[in-house]
Amino acid sequence: MVLEHALLSVVPGREAEFEDAFARARAVIASMPGFEGLTLSRCVERPGTYLLLVTWRSLEDHTVGFRGSDGYQEWRRLLHHFYEPFPVVEHYEQVHTA
């Protein structure tokens, strides 16, 4: 299992529009092979900042499968114009839980 992490800085004043678009985009990513789940959280102190966590079966399910798919083009069309600056995406493997 791999956890994708992205801090999303949404253009000020477009938060509600972003959340509506994300609700549509969620179905796109959820249909991808290797997708296991996601959470989107809004920062309390900085309401234009969101934390996206996506669980994938493997790194390649995200970096090759999803990003190489037609579904990713739809994801980009729905969401990428909301980000300023464009987010850094990183991947994590679990070490400990409690």
N, C-alpha and C. Protein backbone atom coordinates (compact mmCIF):
# COMPACT_ATOMS: atom_id res chain seq x y z
N MET A 1 0.84 -1.18 0.00
CA MET A 1 0.00 0.00 0.00
C MET A 1 0.88 1.24 0.00
N VAL A 2 0.48 2.25 -0.79
CA VAL A 2 1.20 3.51 -0.89
C VAL A 2 0.21 4.64 -0.65
N LEU A 3 0.63 5.63 0.13
CA LEU A 3 -0.20 6.78 0.43
C LEU A 3 0.32 7.99 -0.35
N GLU A 4 -0.52 8.52 -1.23
CA GLU A 4 -0.21 9.74 -1.96
C GLU A 4 -0.61 10.93 -1.09
N HIS A 5 0.27 11.93 -1.02
CA HIS A 5 0.05 13.11 -0.18
C HIS A 5 0.22 14.35 -1.06
N ALA A 6 -0.76 15.26 -1.01
CA ALA A 6 -0.64 16.53 -1.72
C ALA A 6 -1.32 17.63 -0.91
N LEU A 7 -0.61 18.73 -0.70
CA LEU A 7 -1.20 19.94 -0.13
C LEU A 7 -1.66 20.80 -1.29
N LEU A 8 -2.95 21.09 -1.32
CA LEU A 8 -3.54 21.81 -2.44
C LEU A 8 -3.86 23.23 -2.01
N SER A 9 -3.22 24.21 -2.63
CA SER A 9 -3.51 25.62 -2.38
C SER A 9 -4.47 26.10 -3.46
N VAL A 10 -5.71 26.36 -3.07
CA VAL A 10 -6.75 26.75 -4.01
C VAL A 10 -6.79 28.27 -4.12
N VAL A 11 -6.97 28.75 -5.35
CA VAL A 11 -7.07 30.18 -5.60
C VAL A 11 -8.12 30.78 -4.66
N PRO A 12 -7.76 31.85 -3.93
CA PRO A 12 -8.70 32.46 -2.98
C PRO A 12 -10.04 32.82 -3.64
N GLY A 13 -11.11 32.50 -2.92
CA GLY A 13 -12.45 32.78 -3.40
C GLY A 13 -13.05 31.68 -4.26
N ARG A 14 -12.27 30.64 -4.57
CA ARG A 14 -12.76 29.56 -5.44
C ARG A 14 -12.92 28.24 -4.68
N GLU A 15 -12.90 28.31 -3.36
CA GLU A 15 -12.96 27.09 -2.55
C GLU A 15 -14.24 26.29 -2.78
N ALA A 16 -15.39 26.94 -2.77
CA ALA A 16 -16.66 26.22 -2.96
C ALA A 16 -16.73 25.60 -4.35
N GLU A 17 -16.27 26.32 -5.34
CA GLU A 17 -16.24 25.80 -6.72
C GLU A 17 -15.31 24.59 -6.80
N PHE A 18 -14.15 24.68 -6.14
CA PHE A 18 -13.21 23.56 -6.11
C PHE A 18 -13.85 22.33 -5.47
N GLU A 19 -14.50 22.52 -4.34
CA GLU A 19 -15.12 21.39 -3.64
C GLU A 19 -16.21 20.74 -4.49
N ASP A 20 -16.96 21.53 -5.23
CA ASP A 20 -17.97 20.97 -6.14
C ASP A 20 -17.31 20.17 -7.26
N ALA A 21 -16.24 20.71 -7.84
CA ALA A 21 -15.53 20.01 -8.90
C ALA A 21 -14.88 18.74 -8.37
N PHE A 22 -14.37 18.80 -7.15
CA PHE A 22 -13.75 17.61 -6.57
C PHE A 22 -14.78 16.50 -6.37
N ALA A 23 -15.99 16.86 -6.00
CA ALA A 23 -17.05 15.86 -5.84
C ALA A 23 -17.28 15.10 -7.14
N ARG A 24 -17.15 15.77 -8.27
CA ARG A 24 -17.29 15.10 -9.57
C ARG A 24 -16.02 14.30 -9.90
N ALA A 25 -14.85 14.88 -9.61
CA ALA A 25 -13.58 14.22 -9.92
C ALA A 25 -13.36 12.97 -9.09
N ARG A 26 -13.95 12.93 -7.91
CA ARG A 26 -13.79 11.77 -7.03
C ARG A 26 -14.22 10.48 -7.72
N ALA A 27 -15.28 10.52 -8.50
CA ALA A 27 -15.74 9.32 -9.21
C ALA A 27 -14.73 8.86 -10.25
N VAL A 28 -14.01 9.80 -10.84
CA VAL A 28 -13.01 9.47 -11.85
C VAL A 28 -11.88 8.67 -11.22
N ILE A 29 -11.30 9.18 -10.14
CA ILE A 29 -10.17 8.51 -9.52
C ILE A 29 -10.60 7.19 -8.86
N ALA A 30 -11.81 7.16 -8.33
CA ALA A 30 -12.29 5.95 -7.66
C ALA A 30 -12.47 4.79 -8.63
N SER A 31 -12.58 5.08 -9.91
CA SER A 31 -12.76 4.02 -10.91
C SER A 31 -11.44 3.42 -11.39
N MET A 32 -10.32 3.96 -10.93
CA MET A 32 -9.01 3.52 -11.42
C MET A 32 -8.54 2.23 -10.75
N PRO A 33 -7.94 1.32 -11.54
CA PRO A 33 -7.35 0.13 -10.94
C PRO A 33 -6.29 0.51 -9.90
N GLY A 34 -6.32 -0.15 -8.76
CA GLY A 34 -5.36 0.09 -7.69
C GLY A 34 -5.78 1.15 -6.70
N PHE A 35 -6.84 1.92 -7.01
CA PHE A 35 -7.33 2.93 -6.08
C PHE A 35 -7.98 2.22 -4.89
N GLU A 36 -7.62 2.66 -3.67
CA GLU A 36 -8.19 2.04 -2.48
C GLU A 36 -8.97 3.00 -1.60
N GLY A 37 -8.84 4.30 -1.80
CA GLY A 37 -9.60 5.26 -1.01
C GLY A 37 -8.92 6.61 -0.97
N LEU A 38 -9.67 7.63 -0.53
CA LEU A 38 -9.09 8.96 -0.40
C LEU A 38 -9.79 9.74 0.69
N THR A 39 -9.12 10.77 1.15
CA THR A 39 -9.73 11.79 2.00
C THR A 39 -9.26 13.15 1.49
N LEU A 40 -10.17 14.10 1.51
CA LEU A 40 -9.85 15.49 1.22
C LEU A 40 -10.25 16.28 2.45
N SER A 41 -9.30 16.98 3.05
CA SER A 41 -9.55 17.75 4.27
C SER A 41 -9.19 19.21 4.03
N ARG A 42 -9.99 20.12 4.61
CA ARG A 42 -9.73 21.56 4.51
C ARG A 42 -9.03 22.02 5.79
N CYS A 43 -8.01 22.85 5.63
CA CYS A 43 -7.26 23.38 6.77
C CYS A 43 -8.14 24.36 7.55
N VAL A 44 -8.14 24.23 8.85
CA VAL A 44 -8.93 25.11 9.71
C VAL A 44 -8.33 26.52 9.74
N GLU A 45 -7.01 26.60 9.85
CA GLU A 45 -6.34 27.90 9.94
C GLU A 45 -6.23 28.62 8.59
N ARG A 46 -6.13 27.85 7.52
CA ARG A 46 -5.99 28.41 6.17
C ARG A 46 -7.03 27.73 5.27
N PRO A 47 -8.26 28.24 5.22
CA PRO A 47 -9.36 27.57 4.53
C PRO A 47 -9.16 27.32 3.04
N GLY A 48 -8.20 27.98 2.42
CA GLY A 48 -7.91 27.72 1.01
C GLY A 48 -6.91 26.61 0.79
N THR A 49 -6.47 25.97 1.87
CA THR A 49 -5.50 24.88 1.79
C THR A 49 -6.19 23.57 2.12
N TYR A 50 -5.96 22.58 1.28
CA TYR A 50 -6.57 21.26 1.43
C TYR A 50 -5.48 20.20 1.48
N LEU A 51 -5.74 19.16 2.23
CA LEU A 51 -4.85 18.00 2.28
C LEU A 51 -5.54 16.85 1.58
N LEU A 52 -4.93 16.36 0.51
CA LEU A 52 -5.44 15.20 -0.23
C LEU A 52 -4.57 14.00 0.09
N LEU A 53 -5.20 12.95 0.59
CA LEU A 53 -4.53 11.68 0.84
C LEU A 53 -5.25 10.61 0.03
N VAL A 54 -4.49 9.91 -0.81
CA VAL A 54 -5.06 8.85 -1.65
C VAL A 54 -4.29 7.58 -1.39
N THR A 55 -4.99 6.51 -1.13
CA THR A 55 -4.36 5.21 -0.91
C THR A 55 -4.41 4.42 -2.22
N TRP A 56 -3.23 3.95 -2.63
CA TRP A 56 -3.09 3.14 -3.84
C TRP A 56 -2.51 1.78 -3.46
N ARG A 57 -2.83 0.79 -4.23
CA ARG A 57 -2.28 -0.55 -4.00
C ARG A 57 -0.76 -0.54 -4.23
N SER A 58 -0.30 0.22 -5.25
CA SER A 58 1.14 0.32 -5.53
C SER A 58 1.45 1.71 -6.08
N LEU A 59 2.69 2.10 -6.06
CA LEU A 59 3.13 3.37 -6.62
C LEU A 59 2.77 3.45 -8.11
N GLU A 60 2.98 2.37 -8.82
CA GLU A 60 2.73 2.35 -10.26
C GLU A 60 1.24 2.50 -10.59
N ASP A 61 0.37 2.06 -9.68
CA ASP A 61 -1.06 2.26 -9.92
C ASP A 61 -1.37 3.75 -10.04
N HIS A 62 -0.64 4.58 -9.30
CA HIS A 62 -0.84 6.03 -9.40
C HIS A 62 -0.02 6.63 -10.53
N THR A 63 1.29 6.41 -10.51
CA THR A 63 2.19 7.13 -11.41
C THR A 63 2.10 6.68 -12.86
N VAL A 64 1.79 5.42 -13.09
CA VAL A 64 1.69 4.89 -14.46
C VAL A 64 0.22 4.70 -14.85
N GLY A 65 -0.51 3.94 -14.02
CA GLY A 65 -1.89 3.62 -14.35
C GLY A 65 -2.80 4.84 -14.40
N PHE A 66 -2.91 5.56 -13.30
CA PHE A 66 -3.80 6.71 -13.25
C PHE A 66 -3.29 7.84 -14.12
N ARG A 67 -2.06 8.25 -13.93
CA ARG A 67 -1.54 9.39 -14.69
C ARG A 67 -1.45 9.13 -16.19
N GLY A 68 -1.42 7.89 -16.58
CA GLY A 68 -1.39 7.56 -18.01
C GLY A 68 -2.76 7.30 -18.60
N SER A 69 -3.80 7.52 -17.84
CA SER A 69 -5.16 7.17 -18.28
C SER A 69 -5.93 8.37 -18.83
N ASP A 70 -6.99 8.06 -19.58
CA ASP A 70 -7.93 9.10 -20.01
C ASP A 70 -8.61 9.73 -18.79
N GLY A 71 -8.83 8.93 -17.75
CA GLY A 71 -9.43 9.45 -16.53
C GLY A 71 -8.60 10.56 -15.92
N TYR A 72 -7.28 10.47 -16.01
CA TYR A 72 -6.43 11.52 -15.47
C TYR A 72 -6.62 12.82 -16.25
N GLN A 73 -6.82 12.72 -17.55
CA GLN A 73 -7.07 13.93 -18.33
C GLN A 73 -8.35 14.62 -17.87
N GLU A 74 -9.36 13.85 -17.52
CA GLU A 74 -10.60 14.41 -16.99
C GLU A 74 -10.35 15.02 -15.61
N TRP A 75 -9.60 14.34 -14.76
CA TRP A 75 -9.20 14.84 -13.43
C TRP A 75 -8.52 16.20 -13.58
N ARG A 76 -7.56 16.27 -14.49
CA ARG A 76 -6.83 17.53 -14.74
C ARG A 76 -7.79 18.63 -15.18
N ARG A 77 -8.69 18.29 -16.11
CA ARG A 77 -9.62 19.28 -16.63
C ARG A 77 -10.51 19.84 -15.52
N LEU A 78 -10.94 18.98 -14.61
CA LEU A 78 -11.83 19.39 -13.53
C LEU A 78 -11.12 20.19 -12.44
N LEU A 79 -9.85 19.87 -12.15
CA LEU A 79 -9.23 20.38 -10.92
C LEU A 79 -8.00 21.26 -11.07
N HIS A 80 -7.17 21.03 -12.04
CA HIS A 80 -5.84 21.65 -12.02
C HIS A 80 -5.87 23.17 -12.12
N HIS A 81 -6.89 23.76 -12.68
CA HIS A 81 -6.94 25.23 -12.80
C HIS A 81 -7.24 25.92 -11.47
N PHE A 82 -7.55 25.16 -10.43
CA PHE A 82 -7.82 25.75 -9.12
C PHE A 82 -6.56 25.99 -8.29
N TYR A 83 -5.43 25.38 -8.66
CA TYR A 83 -4.24 25.38 -7.81
C TYR A 83 -3.30 26.53 -8.10
N GLU A 84 -2.84 27.19 -7.03
CA GLU A 84 -1.84 28.25 -7.15
C GLU A 84 -1.04 28.31 -5.85
N PRO A 85 0.18 27.81 -5.83
CA PRO A 85 0.92 27.17 -6.92
C PRO A 85 0.48 25.72 -7.11
N PHE A 86 1.01 25.10 -8.15
CA PHE A 86 0.68 23.70 -8.40
C PHE A 86 1.29 22.84 -7.29
N PRO A 87 0.55 21.87 -6.77
CA PRO A 87 1.02 21.10 -5.61
C PRO A 87 2.15 20.13 -5.93
N VAL A 88 2.94 19.87 -4.91
CA VAL A 88 3.94 18.80 -4.95
C VAL A 88 3.23 17.55 -4.45
N VAL A 89 3.37 16.47 -5.18
CA VAL A 89 2.76 15.19 -4.80
C VAL A 89 3.88 14.25 -4.36
N GLU A 90 3.70 13.65 -3.19
CA GLU A 90 4.68 12.70 -2.67
C GLU A 90 3.98 11.41 -2.28
N HIS A 91 4.76 10.35 -2.17
CA HIS A 91 4.22 9.02 -1.85
C HIS A 91 4.91 8.48 -0.60
N TYR A 92 4.12 7.83 0.24
CA TYR A 92 4.62 7.32 1.54
C TYR A 92 4.24 5.87 1.72
N GLU A 93 5.12 5.15 2.40
CA GLU A 93 4.84 3.79 2.86
C GLU A 93 4.70 3.82 4.37
N GLN A 94 3.76 3.09 4.88
CA GLN A 94 3.50 3.07 6.32
C GLN A 94 4.63 2.40 7.07
N VAL A 95 5.02 3.01 8.19
CA VAL A 95 6.05 2.48 9.06
C VAL A 95 5.46 2.00 10.38
N HIS A 96 4.63 2.82 11.02
CA HIS A 96 3.98 2.48 12.27
C HIS A 96 2.55 2.98 12.28
N THR A 97 1.71 2.34 13.06
CA THR A 97 0.35 2.83 13.34
C THR A 97 0.07 2.66 14.82
N ALA A 98 -0.94 3.35 15.29
CA ALA A 98 -1.35 3.20 16.68
C ALA A 98 -2.87 3.14 16.74
